[in-house]
Protein backbone atom coordinates (compact mmCIF):
# COMPACT_ATOMS: atom_id res chain seq x y z
CA MET A 1 13.08 39.77 84.20
CA ILE A 2 12.53 36.12 85.12
CA MET A 3 10.20 37.05 87.96
CA ARG A 4 8.18 39.33 85.68
CA PHE A 5 7.14 36.42 83.49
CA ALA A 6 6.93 33.77 86.23
CA PRO A 7 3.19 34.30 86.89
CA LEU A 8 2.46 34.14 83.14
CA ALA A 9 4.42 30.91 82.74
CA LEU A 10 2.67 29.34 85.70
CA LEU A 11 -0.69 30.52 84.34
CA ILE A 12 0.04 28.60 81.12
CA ALA A 13 0.79 25.54 83.22
CA THR A 14 -2.49 26.01 85.07
CA ALA A 15 -4.47 26.19 81.84
CA HIS A 16 -2.78 23.01 80.69
CA ALA A 17 -3.66 21.35 84.01
CA PHE A 18 -7.37 22.14 83.74
CA GLN A 19 -7.48 20.90 80.15
CA GLN A 20 -6.35 17.41 81.19
CA PRO A 21 -8.90 14.87 82.45
CA LEU A 22 -8.85 14.25 86.17
CA ARG A 23 -7.43 10.89 87.10
CA PRO A 24 -6.13 9.35 90.30
CA LEU A 25 -2.50 8.39 90.67
CA LYS A 26 -1.66 4.79 89.96
CA PRO A 27 -0.16 2.80 92.84
CA GLY A 28 3.60 3.21 92.85
CA ALA A 29 3.49 5.95 90.21
CA LEU A 30 5.65 8.22 92.29
CA GLY A 31 8.50 5.80 92.84
CA LYS A 32 10.15 4.72 96.06
CA LYS A 33 13.13 7.05 96.41
CA PRO A 34 13.10 8.95 99.72
CA GLY A 35 14.10 12.59 100.01
CA ARG A 36 17.69 12.39 101.26
CA LEU A 37 17.62 16.00 102.33
CA LEU A 38 14.65 15.34 104.60
CA ALA A 39 16.02 12.06 105.92
CA ALA A 40 19.33 13.70 106.85
CA ALA A 41 17.70 16.79 108.37
CA ALA A 42 15.10 14.96 110.42
CA GLY A 43 17.17 11.88 111.29
CA GLU A 44 14.14 9.58 111.22
CA GLN A 45 14.29 5.79 111.33
CA LYS A 46 13.34 4.48 107.92
CA GLN A 47 12.41 1.02 109.22
CA THR A 48 9.39 2.08 111.26
CA GLY A 49 8.66 5.54 109.90
CA ALA A 50 8.06 8.75 111.78
CA SER A 51 5.49 9.18 114.51
CA VAL A 52 3.07 12.11 114.55
CA PRO A 53 5.15 14.06 117.14
CA ALA A 54 8.36 13.42 115.17
CA THR A 55 6.73 14.61 111.96
CA THR A 56 5.38 17.68 113.76
CA LEU A 57 8.85 18.56 115.00
CA GLY A 58 10.42 17.89 111.59
CA VAL A 59 7.99 20.16 109.75
CA ALA A 60 8.36 22.88 112.41
CA LYS A 61 12.16 22.76 112.05
CA ASN A 62 11.74 23.28 108.31
CA LEU A 63 9.42 26.25 108.80
CA ILE A 64 11.13 28.24 111.57
CA GLY A 65 14.09 30.20 110.25
CA ALA A 66 15.13 33.57 108.85
CA GLY A 67 11.53 34.48 108.01
CA THR A 68 10.67 34.31 111.70
CA PHE A 69 13.13 37.07 112.56
CA ALA A 70 11.90 39.32 109.76
CA MET A 71 8.49 39.51 111.49
CA PRO A 72 9.09 42.48 113.84
CA ALA A 73 10.12 44.80 111.00
CA ALA A 74 7.30 43.67 108.72
CA MET A 75 4.65 44.02 111.43
CA SER A 76 5.84 47.33 112.86
CA ARG A 77 5.64 48.99 109.45
CA THR A 78 1.94 48.18 109.14
CA MET A 79 1.08 50.01 112.38
CA ALA A 80 0.53 53.68 113.05
CA PRO A 81 3.36 55.36 115.02
CA GLY A 82 2.51 55.43 118.70
CA ALA A 83 -0.32 52.89 118.41
CA SER A 84 -1.00 50.72 121.44
CA LEU A 85 0.68 47.33 121.37
CA ALA A 86 -2.55 45.35 121.79
CA GLY A 87 -4.50 47.37 119.24
CA GLY A 88 -1.67 47.56 116.74
CA LEU A 89 -0.85 43.86 116.82
CA ALA A 90 -4.43 42.60 116.56
CA ALA A 91 -4.81 42.86 112.78
CA PRO A 92 -1.28 41.65 111.82
CA LEU A 93 -1.54 38.66 114.17
CA ALA A 94 -4.96 37.82 112.75
CA MET A 95 -3.43 37.85 109.25
CA MET A 96 -0.64 35.61 110.50
CA VAL A 97 -3.10 33.03 111.85
CA ALA A 98 -5.23 33.15 108.69
CA LEU A 99 -2.30 32.68 106.30
CA ALA A 100 -0.74 29.98 108.47
CA SER A 101 -4.05 28.10 108.43
CA MET A 102 -4.30 28.32 104.64
CA SER A 103 -0.66 27.33 104.26
CA ALA A 104 -1.18 24.31 106.54
CA TYR A 105 -4.22 23.30 104.50
CA CYS A 106 -2.17 23.50 101.29
CA PHE A 107 0.69 21.54 102.89
CA ASN A 108 -1.79 18.82 103.79
CA MET A 109 -3.13 18.90 100.20
CA ILE A 110 0.24 17.68 98.95
CA GLY A 111 0.24 14.81 101.45
CA ARG A 112 -3.22 13.75 100.30
CA ALA A 113 -2.29 14.06 96.63
CA THR A 114 0.90 11.99 96.87
CA ASN A 115 -0.74 9.42 99.18
CA GLY A 116 2.47 8.51 100.98
CA GLU A 117 4.56 7.58 97.94
CA ARG A 118 8.19 8.64 98.16
CA ALA A 119 8.59 11.49 95.73
CA THR A 120 9.58 15.07 95.22
CA LEU A 121 7.06 17.72 94.30
CA GLY A 122 8.32 17.64 90.71
CA GLU A 123 7.85 13.87 90.44
CA ALA A 124 4.34 14.16 91.87
CA TRP A 125 3.52 16.80 89.26
CA GLU A 126 4.75 14.51 86.46
CA ALA A 127 2.83 11.52 87.82
CA ALA A 128 -0.36 13.59 87.76
CA GLY A 129 -0.05 13.84 83.97
CA LEU A 130 1.49 17.32 83.86
CA GLY A 131 4.96 16.33 82.72
CA SER A 132 5.13 18.94 79.96
CA THR A 133 5.10 21.71 82.57
CA SER A 134 7.19 19.97 85.24
CA TRP A 135 10.11 22.27 84.44
CA LEU A 136 8.15 25.05 86.15
CA ILE A 137 8.03 23.08 89.39
CA LYS A 138 11.68 22.10 89.23
CA GLY A 139 12.74 25.61 88.26
CA GLY A 140 10.64 27.19 90.98
CA THR A 141 12.07 24.85 93.60
CA VAL A 142 15.63 25.62 92.48
CA LEU A 143 14.97 29.36 92.60
CA LYS A 144 13.40 29.04 96.05
CA CYS A 145 16.46 27.10 97.26
CA ALA A 146 18.68 29.81 95.75
CA SER A 147 16.76 32.55 97.58
CA ALA A 148 16.99 30.52 100.80
CA CYS A 149 20.76 30.17 100.36
CA LEU A 150 21.02 33.90 99.73
CA MET A 151 19.07 34.56 102.95
CA TYR A 152 21.46 32.27 104.79
CA GLY A 153 24.43 34.19 103.39
CA ILE A 154 22.96 37.58 104.35
CA VAL A 155 22.10 36.46 107.87
CA LEU A 156 25.49 34.78 108.39
CA ALA A 157 27.20 38.01 107.37
CA ASP A 158 24.90 40.07 109.61
CA LEU A 159 25.70 37.79 112.53
CA GLY A 160 29.39 37.35 111.79
CA VAL A 161 30.51 40.97 111.38
CA PRO A 162 29.62 42.06 114.96
CA LEU A 163 31.08 38.85 116.37
CA VAL A 164 34.38 39.33 114.55
CA ALA A 165 34.39 43.05 115.46
CA SER A 166 34.29 42.15 119.15
CA ALA A 167 37.39 39.95 118.75
CA VAL A 168 39.43 41.28 115.80
CA PRO A 169 38.04 44.66 114.66
CA ALA A 170 40.44 44.92 111.71
CA LEU A 171 38.93 41.81 110.10
CA ALA A 172 35.30 42.81 110.65
CA THR A 173 34.33 43.58 107.07
CA ARG A 174 31.40 41.96 105.31
CA ALA A 175 33.57 40.66 102.46
CA ARG A 176 36.08 38.98 104.79
CA VAL A 177 33.43 37.44 107.01
CA LEU A 178 31.57 36.05 103.99
CA ALA A 179 34.78 34.67 102.47
CA ALA A 180 35.67 32.90 105.72
CA THR A 181 32.11 31.61 106.19
CA MET A 182 31.90 30.14 102.69
CA ALA A 183 35.34 28.57 103.15
CA VAL A 184 34.14 26.84 106.33
CA ALA A 185 30.87 25.79 104.68
CA ALA A 186 32.59 24.37 101.58
CA PRO A 187 33.68 21.00 103.08
CA LEU A 188 30.17 20.50 104.48
CA CYS A 189 28.57 21.28 101.12
CA LEU A 190 31.03 19.01 99.27
CA ALA A 191 30.37 16.02 101.54
CA PRO A 192 28.66 13.10 99.71
CA THR A 193 26.02 12.87 102.47
CA LEU A 194 24.76 15.14 105.23
CA ASP A 195 24.74 12.41 107.88
CA SER A 196 27.52 14.12 109.85
CA LEU A 197 25.17 17.04 110.52
CA LYS A 198 22.41 14.91 112.06
CA PRO A 199 23.48 15.74 115.65
CA PHE A 200 22.86 19.41 114.88
CA SER A 201 19.39 18.94 113.41
CA LEU A 202 17.73 20.28 116.58
CA ALA A 203 20.19 23.16 116.97
CA GLY A 204 18.08 25.47 114.82
CA LEU A 205 14.96 25.12 116.94
CA ALA A 206 16.94 25.30 120.20
CA SER A 207 18.81 28.43 119.09
CA THR A 208 15.52 30.05 118.04
CA LEU A 209 14.08 29.50 121.50
CA LEU A 210 17.23 30.95 123.09
CA VAL A 211 17.02 34.05 120.91
CA VAL A 212 13.31 34.42 121.77
CA ALA A 213 14.25 34.29 125.46
CA PHE A 214 16.90 36.97 124.86
CA MET A 215 14.35 39.18 123.07
CA GLY A 216 11.96 38.77 126.00
CA LEU A 217 14.68 39.88 128.41
CA ARG A 218 15.48 42.95 126.34
CA CYS A 219 11.81 43.99 126.44
CA PHE A 220 12.44 44.86 130.09
CA THR A 221 15.85 46.45 129.49
CA PRO A 222 15.27 48.78 126.50
CA ASP A 223 18.27 50.91 127.45
CA ARG A 224 20.51 48.09 126.13
CA VAL A 225 18.94 48.22 122.66
CA ALA A 226 20.55 50.01 119.72
CA VAL A 227 18.51 50.05 116.51
CA ALA A 228 21.02 49.82 113.69
CA ALA A 229 20.76 51.84 110.52
CA ALA A 230 18.56 50.06 107.99
CA PRO A 231 18.15 50.32 104.21
CA ALA A 232 15.28 52.37 102.84
CA ALA A 233 12.05 50.61 103.69
CA ALA A 234 8.35 50.88 103.03
CA ALA A 235 6.20 53.24 105.05
CA ALA A 236 2.99 52.12 106.73
CA GLY A 237 0.06 51.58 104.41
CA SER A 238 -1.11 49.11 101.78
CA GLY A 239 2.45 48.50 100.57
CA ALA A 240 3.57 47.58 104.09
CA THR A 241 0.61 45.21 104.40
CA ILE A 242 1.58 43.42 101.17
CA ILE A 243 5.16 43.11 102.43
CA LEU A 244 3.87 41.60 105.68
CA LEU A 245 1.78 39.08 103.73
CA SER A 246 4.82 38.23 101.59
CA THR A 247 6.97 37.75 104.69
CA LEU A 248 4.29 35.53 106.22
CA ALA A 249 4.27 33.41 103.05
CA THR A 250 8.00 32.73 103.39
CA ALA A 251 7.72 32.06 107.13
CA THR A 252 5.24 29.21 106.49
CA LEU A 253 6.88 27.68 103.42
CA ALA A 254 8.29 24.15 103.36
CA HIS A 255 5.84 22.66 100.88
CA TYR A 256 8.48 21.30 98.51
CA ASN A 257 9.37 18.83 101.30
CA ALA A 258 5.76 17.79 101.98
CA PRO A 259 5.91 14.61 99.82
CA ALA A 260 8.98 13.39 101.70
CA PHE A 261 7.43 14.15 105.10
CA ARG A 262 4.33 12.18 104.15
CA ALA A 263 6.44 9.30 102.81
CA GLU A 264 8.47 9.15 106.06
CA LEU A 265 5.31 8.87 108.16
CA ALA A 266 4.76 5.49 109.77
CA ASP A 267 2.44 3.38 107.57
CA PRO A 268 2.10 6.27 105.08
CA GLN A 269 -0.56 4.55 102.99
CA GLY A 270 -2.57 3.08 105.88
CA PRO A 271 -6.24 3.85 106.55
CA THR A 272 -5.39 6.46 109.20
CA ALA A 273 -2.44 8.04 107.37
CA ASN A 274 -4.33 11.09 106.12
CA ARG A 275 -5.68 11.84 109.57
CA ARG A 276 -2.30 11.35 111.29
CA PHE A 277 -0.52 13.51 108.74
CA ALA A 278 -3.15 16.24 109.13
CA ARG A 279 -2.61 16.22 112.91
CA ALA A 280 1.16 16.47 112.48
CA VAL A 281 0.86 19.35 110.02
CA ALA A 282 -1.63 21.20 112.22
CA GLY A 283 0.69 20.87 115.21
CA ALA A 284 3.74 22.03 113.26
CA PHE A 285 2.02 25.11 111.84
CA ALA A 286 0.49 25.94 115.23
CA LEU A 287 3.95 25.78 116.85
CA THR A 288 5.45 27.86 114.05
CA THR A 289 2.69 30.47 114.32
CA LEU A 290 3.21 30.65 118.08
CA VAL A 291 6.96 31.25 117.67
CA ASN A 292 6.48 33.74 114.82
CA GLY A 293 3.84 35.65 116.78
CA LEU A 294 5.98 35.73 119.91
CA VAL A 295 9.02 37.04 118.02
CA ALA A 296 6.88 39.68 116.29
CA ALA A 297 5.23 40.80 119.53
CA LEU A 298 8.52 40.98 121.44
CA GLY A 299 10.17 42.94 118.64
CA VAL A 300 7.33 45.44 118.32
CA ALA A 301 7.09 45.79 122.11
CA THR A 302 10.80 46.59 122.27
CA PHE A 303 11.17 48.92 119.28
CA GLY A 304 7.67 50.37 118.92
CA THR A 305 5.04 50.65 116.22
CA GLY A 306 5.35 52.42 112.89
CA ARG A 307 9.12 51.96 112.77
CA PRO A 308 10.48 51.67 109.20
CA ASP A 309 14.06 51.63 110.54
CA ILE A 310 13.90 48.19 112.21
CA PRO A 311 16.33 45.94 110.28
CA GLY A 312 14.93 43.08 108.24
CA PHE A 313 16.83 40.67 110.51
CA VAL A 314 15.86 41.80 113.99
CA LEU A 315 19.08 40.73 115.78
CA ASN A 316 20.80 43.55 113.89
CA ALA A 317 18.79 45.98 116.03
CA TYR A 318 20.50 44.97 119.27
CA GLY A 319 23.77 46.27 120.63
CA SER A 320 27.10 45.02 119.29
CA ALA A 321 30.74 45.98 118.98
CA THR A 322 29.89 47.99 115.85
CA SER A 323 27.08 50.04 117.49
CA LYS A 324 26.98 52.70 120.19
CA VAL A 325 25.57 50.21 122.68
CA VAL A 326 27.68 47.14 123.42
CA ASP A 327 25.57 44.13 124.42
CA THR A 328 27.50 41.00 125.37
CA LEU A 329 24.31 38.97 125.73
CA ALA A 330 23.26 39.96 122.21
CA ASP A 331 26.63 38.79 120.90
CA ALA A 332 26.10 35.47 122.68
CA ALA A 333 22.71 35.14 120.98
CA ARG A 334 24.34 35.92 117.63
CA ALA A 335 27.03 33.30 118.22
CA VAL A 336 24.46 30.59 118.96
CA PHE A 337 22.40 31.55 115.93
CA PHE A 338 25.49 31.76 113.70
CA PHE A 339 26.48 28.19 114.55
CA SER A 340 22.92 27.00 113.95
CA PHE A 341 22.70 28.72 110.56
CA LEU A 342 26.14 27.50 109.51
CA THR A 343 25.22 23.85 110.20
CA SER A 344 21.80 24.29 108.53
CA PHE A 345 23.11 26.01 105.41
CA PRO A 346 24.30 22.74 103.72
CA PHE A 347 20.73 21.37 103.76
CA ALA A 348 19.41 24.38 101.84
CA PHE A 349 22.44 24.30 99.55
CA ALA A 350 21.90 20.58 98.80
CA GLY A 351 18.54 21.39 97.23
CA LEU A 352 20.14 24.04 95.04
CA LYS A 353 23.09 21.82 94.10
CA ASP A 354 20.91 18.82 93.24
CA GLY A 355 18.67 21.01 91.10
CA VAL A 356 21.38 22.55 88.92
CA THR A 357 24.09 19.87 88.78
CA PRO A 358 23.82 17.57 85.73
CA GLY A 359 23.85 13.94 86.85
CA ALA A 360 26.32 12.91 84.13
CA TRP A 361 29.01 15.32 85.30
CA THR A 362 32.22 13.89 86.74
CA PRO A 363 33.04 14.45 90.45
CA PRO A 364 35.73 17.09 89.69
CA ALA A 365 33.25 19.04 87.56
CA LYS A 366 30.59 18.85 90.27
CA LYS A 367 33.12 20.01 92.85
CA ALA A 368 34.09 22.98 90.70
CA LEU A 369 30.42 23.89 90.20
CA THR A 370 29.76 23.64 93.94
CA LEU A 371 32.67 25.93 94.78
CA GLY A 372 31.59 28.35 92.06
CA MET A 373 28.05 28.51 93.45
CA LEU A 374 29.35 29.12 96.96
CA GLY A 375 31.50 31.96 95.66
CA GLY A 376 28.56 33.42 93.76
CA LEU A 377 26.35 33.28 96.85
CA GLY A 378 29.06 35.02 98.86
CA VAL A 379 29.28 37.84 96.33
CA ALA A 380 25.49 38.19 96.18
CA ALA A 381 25.20 38.30 100.00
CA HIS A 382 27.87 41.02 100.04
CA TYR A 383 25.84 43.35 97.84
CA VAL A 384 22.29 42.33 98.84
CA THR A 385 22.28 43.19 102.53
CA ASP A 386 18.59 43.34 103.50
CA ALA A 387 17.29 39.92 104.54
CA GLY A 388 13.81 41.41 104.93
CA PHE A 389 13.60 42.21 101.22
CA VAL A 390 14.74 38.72 100.18
CA VAL A 391 12.22 37.12 102.57
CA ALA A 392 9.36 39.31 101.32
CA PHE A 393 10.12 39.14 97.58
CA ALA A 394 10.75 35.38 97.59
CA GLY A 395 7.56 34.87 99.58
CA ALA A 396 5.46 36.97 97.22
CA THR A 397 6.67 35.28 94.04
CA LEU A 398 8.11 31.79 94.50
CA GLY A 399 6.50 31.28 97.90
CA SER A 400 3.01 32.00 96.60
CA ALA A 401 3.45 29.53 93.75
CA LEU A 402 4.81 26.70 95.90
CA THR A 403 2.51 27.35 98.86
CA TYR A 404 -0.86 28.05 97.22
CA VAL A 405 -0.94 27.45 93.46
CA ILE A 406 0.91 24.14 93.06
CA PRO A 407 -0.74 22.23 95.97
CA SER A 408 -4.29 23.17 94.96
CA LEU A 409 -3.71 22.23 91.31
CA LEU A 410 -2.07 18.95 92.33
CA LEU A 411 -4.99 17.98 94.56
CA LEU A 412 -7.50 18.82 91.84
CA LYS A 413 -5.61 16.64 89.34
CA THR A 414 -5.14 13.63 91.59
CA LYS A 415 -8.28 13.61 93.77
CA GLY A 416 -10.66 15.81 91.80
CA ASP A 417 -13.41 13.21 91.42
CA ALA A 418 -13.44 12.52 95.15
CA LEU A 419 -13.54 16.15 96.28
CA SER A 420 -16.72 17.86 97.36
CA LYS A 421 -17.97 20.86 95.40
CA LEU A 422 -17.00 23.07 98.32
CA GLU A 423 -13.41 21.84 98.37
CA LYS A 424 -13.09 22.06 94.58
CA GLY A 425 -14.23 25.66 94.81
CA ALA A 426 -11.76 26.33 97.63
CA CYS A 427 -8.90 24.89 95.55
CA LYS A 428 -9.76 27.09 92.58
CA LEU A 429 -10.11 30.14 94.81
CA ILE A 430 -6.71 29.48 96.41
CA THR A 431 -5.16 29.06 92.96
CA ALA A 432 -6.54 32.41 91.80
CA ALA A 433 -5.46 34.12 95.02
CA GLY A 434 -1.97 32.68 94.63
CA PHE A 435 -1.61 34.08 91.10
CA ALA A 436 -2.85 37.50 92.22
CA PHE A 437 -0.46 37.51 95.14
CA MET A 438 2.49 36.51 92.94
CA SER A 439 1.97 39.45 90.60
CA LEU A 440 0.82 42.14 93.01
CA GLY A 441 3.00 41.12 95.94
CA GLY A 442 6.20 40.86 93.90
CA PHE A 443 5.64 44.22 92.21
CA ILE A 444 4.78 46.13 95.40
CA THR A 445 7.61 44.55 97.40
CA ALA A 446 10.20 45.51 94.77
CA LYS A 447 8.72 49.00 94.38
CA SER A 448 8.67 49.61 98.14
CA TYR A 449 12.32 48.74 98.62
CA PHE A 450 13.65 50.39 95.48
């Protein structure tokens, strides 16, 4: 019900935005508070700021995740059964490059709009004179964090069940694995800071590369592959194309952290800051697109085209203790990825916790709320088992708003007088496309899976 009215609510906010006179941000209007989630995740030195390579790596780490491993299923469904690999992948990969380019442009819009001031996306929206609709930004960010946490829960369960089955088969149920996982994650999520997880900040990217190497190996040993049973999925056609676009939107979404990345850049308000930030963003999205395309190509090459039975999380398609084909190497890949996801989960959960926890609450009340949310996520991940659906639906609705609509409106409000007619037109076109994608993509994704 909430998602049904989300595009309408955001449309009202858009109308309000265009009714206000364009004005630049005042110096210091966004405040000086850094994003603690970003600082902990990236581990940057606050004294000197982040270099272009460090910012590139930090943005890439934010982008590469569960959405990457939903690519093979989303791409295969858009292809005709039996199509050649080169011919079948050409159009989906072209769409991937096009959407990644537009997403990178929108990410850079936020950096230009905030001009290096330390702020969240919600604070930037308020500083642009749109405070009466800032609840939409804050609410959208909280919902996106919630969907990210749900994806983490689903993937952790998908990874954990086969691992436990190989050691203690009697305990290998989804409910037990989720209960144990949330119990282990609880102390990390209750910690006052995330500094203890800094040493693991690169684990996600390293584990992704290891899993990509494993997928490449299995391309040459298809006899070791066992495609697991998957929930009902969309057939090839226009619906499958919309689901692919929705999945691509999630796989290139980290825009709510863009203000913090720009603020952490060395000399963020200097004369070359815009150019340096643009280079960092371009590098990060290029790296992400390369990894996403490689995972998609390896998955399709292994399992074939026109396959609606490929699981939404592609590692579920490889052999395990719960399938007919036992694959020890696949279990090793799952173990590496499980550890990476477990140590990354608190960062996603911090965004959700900060968004819903009242600041005036006492520590015991906040602790109780945190434990309650972890329990609720565990229950949700037990019943919602298809990571591909969560990736696609979140990308079509919340992802489209945060990736396309909000950045273009923010740039128009803060830099409108300085923009060329061509760029103003591009911003308005992106805004309209984002609204259309929110409505059409969300509806078709839900209809295809249910």
